Amino acid sequence: MPITSSAKKALRQSSQRRERNQAWKEKLKEAVKKAALEKSPASLSAAYKAIDKSAKRGLIKKNKAARMKSRLAKLLAPPAGRAGKK
């Protein structure tokens, strides 16, 4: 347990931040799952918004956000045909 007053305050701050971050990460996971299951433009847009906000807040890194968005976009895109290739 913290002894000094500054350590006590730091503990309070970190626990509040942890709760906030956990709640936001849960929202992110739900949005991504919903977009993957529904495969609709509206759910994709909501997932993009959650991903971008998570990256902005520092919950996930910028490259991970781009990777997640790319994978979701692939799910919605029509399958590319291999016409003309042998």
C-alpha atoms as a PDB file:
ATOM      1  CA  MET A   1       0.000   0.000   0.000  1.00  0.00           C
ATOM      2  CA  PRO A   2       1.212   3.534  -0.708  1.00  0.00           C
ATOM      3  CA  ILE A   3       2.492   5.537   2.217  1.00  0.00           C
ATOM      4  CA  THR A   4       3.032   9.078   0.962  1.00  0.00           C
ATOM      5  CA  SER A   5       0.144  11.281  -0.068  1.00  0.00           C
ATOM      6  CA  SER A   6       1.468  11.603  -3.618  1.00  0.00           C
ATOM      7  CA  ALA A   7       1.659   7.816  -3.913  1.00  0.00           C
ATOM      8  CA  LYS A   8      -1.916   7.534  -2.665  1.00  0.00           C
ATOM      9  CA  LYS A   9      -3.067  10.054  -5.246  1.00  0.00           C
ATOM     10  CA  ALA A  10      -1.147   8.231  -7.986  1.00  0.00           C
ATOM     11  CA  LEU A  11      -2.853   4.992  -6.986  1.00  0.00           C
ATOM     12  CA  ARG A  12      -6.292   6.652  -7.165  1.00  0.00           C
ATOM     13  CA  GLN A  13      -5.506   8.136 -10.566  1.00  0.00           C
ATOM     14  CA  SER A  14      -4.194   4.906 -12.017  1.00  0.00           C
ATOM     15  CA  SER A  15      -7.185   2.900 -10.793  1.00  0.00           C
ATOM     16  CA  GLN A  16      -9.615   5.455 -12.277  1.00  0.00           C
ATOM     17  CA  ARG A  17      -7.730   5.434 -15.575  1.00  0.00           C
ATOM     18  CA  ARG A  18      -7.660   1.645 -15.599  1.00  0.00           C
ATOM     19  CA  GLU A  19     -11.445   1.466 -15.144  1.00  0.00           C
ATOM     20  CA  ARG A  20     -11.993   4.019 -17.904  1.00  0.00           C
ATOM     21  CA  ASN A  21      -9.596   2.227 -20.255  1.00  0.00           C
ATOM     22  CA  GLN A  22     -11.145  -1.177 -19.575  1.00  0.00           C
ATOM     23  CA  ALA A  23     -14.621   0.172 -20.315  1.00  0.00           C
ATOM     24  CA  TRP A  24     -13.446   1.770 -23.547  1.00  0.00           C
ATOM     25  CA  LYS A  25     -11.625  -1.390 -24.641  1.00  0.00           C
ATOM     26  CA  GLU A  26     -14.818  -3.356 -24.075  1.00  0.00           C
ATOM     27  CA  LYS A  27     -16.733  -0.893 -26.284  1.00  0.00           C
ATOM     28  CA  LEU A  28     -14.056  -1.310 -28.941  1.00  0.00           C
ATOM     29  CA  LYS A  29     -14.266  -5.108 -28.874  1.00  0.00           C
ATOM     30  CA  GLU A  30     -18.061  -5.035 -29.085  1.00  0.00           C
ATOM     31  CA  ALA A  31     -18.022  -2.621 -32.034  1.00  0.00           C
ATOM     32  CA  VAL A  32     -15.484  -4.730 -33.936  1.00  0.00           C
ATOM     33  CA  LYS A  33     -17.393  -7.969 -33.259  1.00  0.00           C
ATOM     34  CA  LYS A  34     -20.663  -6.376 -34.334  1.00  0.00           C
ATOM     35  CA  ALA A  35     -19.115  -5.109 -37.566  1.00  0.00           C
ATOM     36  CA  ALA A  36     -17.622  -8.527 -38.315  1.00  0.00           C
ATOM     37  CA  LEU A  37     -20.930 -10.300 -37.742  1.00  0.00           C
ATOM     38  CA  GLU A  38     -23.354  -7.841 -39.359  1.00  0.00           C
ATOM     39  CA  LYS A  39     -21.133  -6.817 -42.280  1.00  0.00           C
ATOM     40  CA  SER A  40     -23.107  -3.622 -42.876  1.00  0.00           C
ATOM     41  CA  PRO A  41     -21.743  -0.169 -43.725  1.00  0.00           C
ATOM     42  CA  ALA A  42     -23.338   1.346 -40.607  1.00  0.00           C
ATOM     43  CA  SER A  43     -21.684  -1.128 -38.243  1.00  0.00           C
ATOM     44  CA  LEU A  44     -18.394  -0.721 -40.108  1.00  0.00           C
ATOM     45  CA  SER A  45     -18.593   3.035 -39.642  1.00  0.00           C
ATOM     46  CA  ALA A  46     -19.259   2.630 -35.910  1.00  0.00           C
ATOM     47  CA  ALA A  47     -16.320   0.240 -35.603  1.00  0.00           C
ATOM     48  CA  TYR A  48     -14.043   2.666 -37.458  1.00  0.00           C
ATOM     49  CA  LYS A  49     -15.081   5.424 -35.072  1.00  0.00           C
ATOM     50  CA  ALA A  50     -14.345   3.267 -32.019  1.00  0.00           C
ATOM     51  CA  ILE A  51     -10.992   2.171 -33.458  1.00  0.00           C
ATOM     52  CA  ASP A  52      -9.937   5.732 -34.281  1.00  0.00           C
ATOM     53  CA  LYS A  53     -10.930   7.033 -30.850  1.00  0.00           C
ATOM     54  CA  SER A  54      -9.074   4.189 -29.149  1.00  0.00           C
ATOM     55  CA  ALA A  55      -5.938   5.005 -31.109  1.00  0.00           C
ATOM     56  CA  LYS A  56      -6.299   8.691 -30.315  1.00  0.00           C
ATOM     57  CA  ARG A  57      -6.645   7.951 -26.596  1.00  0.00           C
ATOM     58  CA  GLY A  58      -3.592   5.699 -26.661  1.00  0.00           C
ATOM     59  CA  LEU A  59      -5.409   2.452 -25.880  1.00  0.00           C
ATOM     60  CA  ILE A  60      -4.113   0.889 -29.080  1.00  0.00           C
ATOM     61  CA  LYS A  61      -1.294   1.973 -31.327  1.00  0.00           C
ATOM     62  CA  LYS A  62      -1.790   3.707 -34.658  1.00  0.00           C
ATOM     63  CA  ASN A  63      -0.583   0.760 -36.696  1.00  0.00           C
ATOM     64  CA  LYS A  64      -2.862  -1.676 -34.871  1.00  0.00           C
ATOM     65  CA  ALA A  65      -5.793   0.628 -35.588  1.00  0.00           C
ATOM     66  CA  ALA A  66      -4.912   0.654 -39.284  1.00  0.00           C
ATOM     67  CA  ARG A  67      -4.568  -3.128 -39.291  1.00  0.00           C
ATOM     68  CA  MET A  68      -7.947  -3.618 -37.605  1.00  0.00           C
ATOM     69  CA  LYS A  69      -9.659  -1.264 -40.046  1.00  0.00           C
ATOM     70  CA  SER A  70      -8.057  -3.015 -42.993  1.00  0.00           C
ATOM     71  CA  ARG A  71      -9.220  -6.433 -41.827  1.00  0.00           C
ATOM     72  CA  LEU A  72     -12.766  -5.186 -41.277  1.00  0.00           C
ATOM     73  CA  ALA A  73     -12.817  -3.594 -44.727  1.00  0.00           C
ATOM     74  CA  LYS A  74     -11.717  -6.898 -46.250  1.00  0.00           C
ATOM     75  CA  LEU A  75     -14.716  -8.625 -44.674  1.00  0.00           C
ATOM     76  CA  LEU A  76     -17.129  -6.183 -46.293  1.00  0.00           C
ATOM     77  CA  ALA A  77     -15.452  -5.979 -49.690  1.00  0.00           C
ATOM     78  CA  PRO A  78     -16.817  -8.222 -52.442  1.00  0.00           C
ATOM     79  CA  PRO A  79     -14.501 -11.114 -53.287  1.00  0.00           C
ATOM     80  CA  ALA A  80     -12.012 -10.149 -55.983  1.00  0.00           C
ATOM     81  CA  GLY A  81     -12.362 -12.260 -59.104  1.00  0.00           C
ATOM     82  CA  ARG A  82      -9.393 -13.807 -60.849  1.00  0.00           C
ATOM     83  CA  ALA A  83     -10.625 -13.080 -64.330  1.00  0.00           C
ATOM     84  CA  GLY A  84      -7.999 -13.373 -67.040  1.00  0.00           C
ATOM     85  CA  LYS A  85      -5.315 -14.911 -64.860  1.00  0.00           C
ATOM     86  CA  LYS A  86      -3.978 -18.391 -65.403  1.00  0.00           C
END
